[in-house]
């Protein structure tokens, strides 16, 4: 597990709704996360040195996809989205 992955997992675990488990492939919203909780997670990550936009939480709505994107950005040395398959990560209103 990389340091980035550990930070992301810790931020989500600390904000998980009571009685809910978030697996790698569980959608944040299906696990009970609301946009308010995701904003708190985002603030926690920002405080840990990881800059993510709120839209990233919607575009990459599982731990697996979010971690993959953040690690790809880190490897590319950019804060911008770098996924090769951007169509898979489009939001409904971006079609």
N, C-alpha and C. Protein backbone atom coordinates (compact mmCIF):
# COMPACT_ATOMS: atom_id res chain seq x y z
N UNK A 1 0.85 -1.17 0.00
CA UNK A 1 0.00 0.00 0.00
C UNK A 1 0.90 1.24 0.00
N UNK A 2 0.63 2.15 -0.92
CA UNK A 2 1.42 3.37 -1.01
C UNK A 2 0.98 4.36 0.06
N UNK A 3 1.80 5.36 0.27
CA UNK A 3 1.47 6.41 1.24
C UNK A 3 0.21 7.17 0.79
N UNK A 4 0.08 7.44 -0.50
CA UNK A 4 -1.12 8.12 -1.01
C UNK A 4 -2.37 7.29 -0.72
N UNK A 5 -2.28 6.00 -1.00
CA UNK A 5 -3.42 5.12 -0.75
C UNK A 5 -3.77 5.09 0.74
N UNK A 6 -2.76 5.03 1.59
CA UNK A 6 -3.00 5.01 3.03
C UNK A 6 -3.72 6.27 3.48
N UNK A 7 -3.28 7.43 2.98
CA UNK A 7 -3.92 8.70 3.36
C UNK A 7 -5.38 8.75 2.91
N UNK A 8 -5.63 8.30 1.69
CA UNK A 8 -7.00 8.33 1.17
C UNK A 8 -7.89 7.38 1.98
N UNK A 9 -7.42 6.18 2.22
CA UNK A 9 -8.20 5.21 3.00
C UNK A 9 -8.48 5.73 4.41
N UNK A 10 -7.48 6.34 5.03
CA UNK A 10 -7.65 6.86 6.39
C UNK A 10 -8.68 7.99 6.43
N UNK A 11 -8.64 8.87 5.43
CA UNK A 11 -9.60 9.98 5.39
C UNK A 11 -11.03 9.48 5.25
N UNK A 12 -11.23 8.50 4.37
CA UNK A 12 -12.57 7.95 4.19
C UNK A 12 -13.02 7.15 5.42
N UNK A 13 -12.10 6.39 6.01
CA UNK A 13 -12.46 5.59 7.19
C UNK A 13 -12.87 6.48 8.35
N UNK A 14 -12.20 7.61 8.51
CA UNK A 14 -12.51 8.50 9.63
C UNK A 14 -13.86 9.20 9.48
N UNK A 15 -14.37 9.26 8.26
CA UNK A 15 -15.64 9.96 8.00
C UNK A 15 -16.78 9.00 7.61
N UNK A 16 -16.52 7.70 7.63
CA UNK A 16 -17.54 6.73 7.21
C UNK A 16 -18.77 6.83 8.11
N UNK A 17 -19.95 6.82 7.52
CA UNK A 17 -21.17 6.83 8.32
C UNK A 17 -21.20 5.62 9.26
N UNK A 18 -21.72 5.84 10.44
CA UNK A 18 -21.76 4.80 11.47
C UNK A 18 -22.42 3.53 10.94
N UNK A 19 -21.74 2.41 11.17
CA UNK A 19 -22.29 1.12 10.76
C UNK A 19 -22.11 0.78 9.30
N UNK A 20 -21.42 1.63 8.55
CA UNK A 20 -21.22 1.39 7.11
C UNK A 20 -19.79 0.99 6.83
N UNK A 21 -19.62 0.10 5.89
CA UNK A 21 -18.30 -0.34 5.46
C UNK A 21 -18.09 0.09 4.02
N UNK A 22 -16.95 0.66 3.78
CA UNK A 22 -16.60 1.09 2.42
C UNK A 22 -15.53 0.16 1.88
N UNK A 23 -15.89 -0.62 0.86
CA UNK A 23 -14.92 -1.50 0.21
C UNK A 23 -14.31 -0.76 -0.98
N UNK A 24 -13.35 -1.39 -1.62
CA UNK A 24 -12.69 -0.76 -2.77
C UNK A 24 -13.65 -0.42 -3.90
N UNK A 25 -14.71 -1.21 -4.05
CA UNK A 25 -15.60 -1.03 -5.20
C UNK A 25 -17.00 -0.59 -4.83
N UNK A 26 -17.21 -0.17 -3.59
CA UNK A 26 -18.51 0.36 -3.17
C UNK A 26 -18.58 1.83 -3.52
N UNK A 27 -19.63 2.22 -4.20
CA UNK A 27 -19.86 3.62 -4.52
C UNK A 27 -20.00 4.40 -3.21
N UNK A 28 -19.37 5.56 -3.14
CA UNK A 28 -19.41 6.37 -1.92
C UNK A 28 -20.85 6.64 -1.47
N UNK A 29 -21.71 6.97 -2.41
CA UNK A 29 -23.09 7.31 -2.07
C UNK A 29 -23.88 6.09 -1.60
N UNK A 30 -23.61 4.93 -2.20
CA UNK A 30 -24.26 3.70 -1.77
C UNK A 30 -23.82 3.30 -0.37
N UNK A 31 -22.63 3.74 0.03
CA UNK A 31 -22.10 3.45 1.36
C UNK A 31 -22.59 4.47 2.39
N UNK A 32 -23.42 5.41 1.97
CA UNK A 32 -23.98 6.38 2.90
C UNK A 32 -23.27 7.71 2.99
N UNK A 33 -22.25 7.90 2.15
CA UNK A 33 -21.57 9.19 2.13
C UNK A 33 -22.46 10.21 1.43
N UNK A 34 -22.58 11.37 2.00
CA UNK A 34 -23.32 12.47 1.38
C UNK A 34 -22.32 13.47 0.82
N UNK A 35 -22.80 14.44 0.08
CA UNK A 35 -21.88 15.45 -0.45
C UNK A 35 -21.23 16.24 0.68
N UNK A 36 -21.93 16.41 1.79
CA UNK A 36 -21.36 17.12 2.94
C UNK A 36 -20.22 16.29 3.55
N UNK A 37 -20.42 14.99 3.69
CA UNK A 37 -19.36 14.13 4.21
C UNK A 37 -18.18 14.10 3.25
N UNK A 38 -18.46 14.03 1.95
CA UNK A 38 -17.37 14.03 0.97
C UNK A 38 -16.59 15.34 1.00
N UNK A 39 -17.27 16.45 1.27
CA UNK A 39 -16.58 17.74 1.41
C UNK A 39 -15.64 17.70 2.61
N UNK A 40 -16.06 17.05 3.69
CA UNK A 40 -15.20 16.91 4.86
C UNK A 40 -14.00 16.00 4.55
N UNK A 41 -14.24 14.92 3.81
CA UNK A 41 -13.15 14.03 3.40
C UNK A 41 -12.16 14.81 2.54
N UNK A 42 -12.68 15.59 1.61
CA UNK A 42 -11.84 16.40 0.74
C UNK A 42 -10.99 17.37 1.55
N UNK A 43 -11.58 18.01 2.56
CA UNK A 43 -10.83 18.92 3.42
C UNK A 43 -9.74 18.18 4.19
N UNK A 44 -10.06 16.98 4.68
CA UNK A 44 -9.06 16.15 5.37
C UNK A 44 -7.90 15.82 4.44
N UNK A 45 -8.22 15.44 3.20
CA UNK A 45 -7.18 15.11 2.24
C UNK A 45 -6.34 16.33 1.89
N UNK A 46 -6.99 17.48 1.77
CA UNK A 46 -6.28 18.72 1.49
C UNK A 46 -5.30 19.02 2.63
N UNK A 47 -5.75 18.80 3.87
CA UNK A 47 -4.89 19.00 5.02
C UNK A 47 -3.72 18.02 5.06
N UNK A 48 -3.90 16.87 4.41
CA UNK A 48 -2.84 15.86 4.33
C UNK A 48 -1.96 16.04 3.09
N UNK A 49 -2.18 17.15 2.37
CA UNK A 49 -1.35 17.45 1.22
C UNK A 49 -1.83 16.90 -0.11
N UNK A 50 -3.07 16.37 -0.15
CA UNK A 50 -3.62 15.85 -1.41
C UNK A 50 -4.72 16.79 -1.89
N UNK A 51 -4.48 17.43 -2.99
CA UNK A 51 -5.44 18.39 -3.51
C UNK A 51 -6.38 17.71 -4.51
N UNK A 52 -7.64 17.58 -4.12
CA UNK A 52 -8.67 17.01 -4.99
C UNK A 52 -9.84 17.98 -5.05
N UNK A 53 -10.49 18.01 -6.18
CA UNK A 53 -11.70 18.81 -6.30
C UNK A 53 -12.91 17.98 -5.91
N UNK A 54 -13.98 18.64 -5.56
CA UNK A 54 -15.21 17.91 -5.23
C UNK A 54 -15.67 17.07 -6.41
N UNK A 55 -15.48 17.58 -7.61
CA UNK A 55 -15.92 16.84 -8.79
C UNK A 55 -15.19 15.51 -8.91
N UNK A 56 -13.97 15.43 -8.37
CA UNK A 56 -13.23 14.16 -8.41
C UNK A 56 -13.95 13.08 -7.61
N UNK A 57 -14.62 13.46 -6.54
CA UNK A 57 -15.34 12.48 -5.72
C UNK A 57 -16.53 11.90 -6.50
N UNK A 58 -17.10 12.69 -7.39
CA UNK A 58 -18.21 12.23 -8.22
C UNK A 58 -17.71 11.48 -9.45
N UNK A 59 -16.61 11.94 -10.00
CA UNK A 59 -16.06 11.32 -11.21
C UNK A 59 -15.43 9.96 -10.90
N UNK A 60 -14.85 9.82 -9.73
CA UNK A 60 -14.19 8.58 -9.30
C UNK A 60 -14.82 8.14 -7.98
N UNK A 61 -16.04 7.58 -8.02
CA UNK A 61 -16.85 7.39 -6.81
C UNK A 61 -16.60 6.13 -5.99
N UNK A 62 -15.45 5.50 -6.20
CA UNK A 62 -15.08 4.35 -5.37
C UNK A 62 -13.63 4.55 -4.93
N UNK A 63 -13.25 3.88 -3.86
CA UNK A 63 -11.85 3.97 -3.42
C UNK A 63 -10.91 3.52 -4.53
N UNK A 64 -11.25 2.44 -5.20
CA UNK A 64 -10.37 1.90 -6.24
C UNK A 64 -10.13 2.92 -7.35
N UNK A 65 -11.19 3.54 -7.85
CA UNK A 65 -11.03 4.48 -8.97
C UNK A 65 -10.38 5.77 -8.51
N UNK A 66 -10.70 6.24 -7.31
CA UNK A 66 -10.10 7.48 -6.81
C UNK A 66 -8.61 7.29 -6.55
N UNK A 67 -8.26 6.20 -5.91
CA UNK A 67 -6.84 5.91 -5.64
C UNK A 67 -6.07 5.76 -6.95
N UNK A 68 -6.65 5.05 -7.92
CA UNK A 68 -5.99 4.89 -9.22
C UNK A 68 -5.71 6.25 -9.86
N UNK A 69 -6.69 7.13 -9.83
CA UNK A 69 -6.53 8.46 -10.44
C UNK A 69 -5.50 9.29 -9.70
N UNK A 70 -5.55 9.30 -8.38
CA UNK A 70 -4.60 10.10 -7.60
C UNK A 70 -3.18 9.60 -7.82
N UNK A 71 -2.99 8.29 -7.84
CA UNK A 71 -1.65 7.74 -8.07
C UNK A 71 -1.17 8.02 -9.50
N UNK A 72 -2.08 8.02 -10.46
CA UNK A 72 -1.70 8.36 -11.84
C UNK A 72 -1.29 9.82 -11.94
N UNK A 73 -1.99 10.69 -11.25
CA UNK A 73 -1.62 12.11 -11.23
C UNK A 73 -0.26 12.30 -10.60
N UNK A 74 -0.03 11.60 -9.50
CA UNK A 74 1.26 11.71 -8.81
C UNK A 74 2.40 11.22 -9.71
N UNK A 75 2.17 10.12 -10.40
CA UNK A 75 3.19 9.57 -11.30
C UNK A 75 3.48 10.52 -12.46
N UNK A 76 2.44 11.21 -12.92
CA UNK A 76 2.59 12.14 -14.04
C UNK A 76 3.10 13.50 -13.57
N UNK A 77 3.10 13.70 -12.25
CA UNK A 77 3.56 14.98 -11.71
C UNK A 77 2.60 16.12 -11.97
N UNK A 78 1.31 15.80 -12.04
CA UNK A 78 0.31 16.82 -12.32
C UNK A 78 -0.89 16.66 -11.40
N UNK A 79 -1.60 17.73 -11.15
CA UNK A 79 -2.82 17.66 -10.36
C UNK A 79 -4.04 17.48 -11.25
N UNK A 80 -3.81 17.48 -12.56
CA UNK A 80 -4.94 17.36 -13.50
C UNK A 80 -5.26 15.90 -13.76
N UNK A 81 -6.50 15.62 -14.15
CA UNK A 81 -6.87 14.25 -14.50
C UNK A 81 -5.97 13.71 -15.61
N UNK A 82 -5.57 12.45 -15.47
CA UNK A 82 -4.67 11.86 -16.46
C UNK A 82 -5.17 10.54 -17.01
N UNK A 83 -6.33 10.10 -16.62
CA UNK A 83 -6.83 8.80 -17.09
C UNK A 83 -6.88 8.76 -18.61
N UNK A 84 -6.45 7.66 -19.15
CA UNK A 84 -6.49 7.49 -20.60
C UNK A 84 -7.92 7.36 -21.09
N UNK A 85 -8.76 6.68 -20.33
CA UNK A 85 -10.14 6.47 -20.74
C UNK A 85 -11.04 7.51 -20.08
N UNK A 86 -11.03 8.71 -20.59
CA UNK A 86 -11.82 9.80 -20.01
C UNK A 86 -13.31 9.56 -20.17
N UNK A 87 -13.74 8.85 -21.20
CA UNK A 87 -15.17 8.61 -21.39
C UNK A 87 -15.75 7.83 -20.22
N UNK A 88 -15.00 6.91 -19.66
CA UNK A 88 -15.47 6.11 -18.53
C UNK A 88 -15.62 6.96 -17.28
N UNK A 89 -14.93 8.08 -17.22
CA UNK A 89 -14.95 8.92 -16.03
C UNK A 89 -15.79 10.18 -16.21
N UNK A 90 -16.54 10.26 -17.28
CA UNK A 90 -17.37 11.44 -17.52
C UNK A 90 -18.56 11.48 -16.58
N UNK A 91 -18.91 12.69 -16.19
CA UNK A 91 -20.12 12.89 -15.42
C UNK A 91 -21.30 12.95 -16.39
N UNK A 92 -22.50 12.66 -15.93
CA UNK A 92 -23.65 12.60 -16.85
C UNK A 92 -23.83 13.85 -17.69
N UNK A 93 -23.55 15.01 -17.15
CA UNK A 93 -23.77 16.25 -17.89
C UNK A 93 -22.60 16.60 -18.81
N UNK A 94 -21.56 15.77 -18.85
CA UNK A 94 -20.40 16.02 -19.70
C UNK A 94 -20.47 15.25 -21.02
N UNK A 95 -21.54 14.56 -21.32
CA UNK A 95 -21.58 13.72 -22.51
C UNK A 95 -21.62 14.50 -23.80
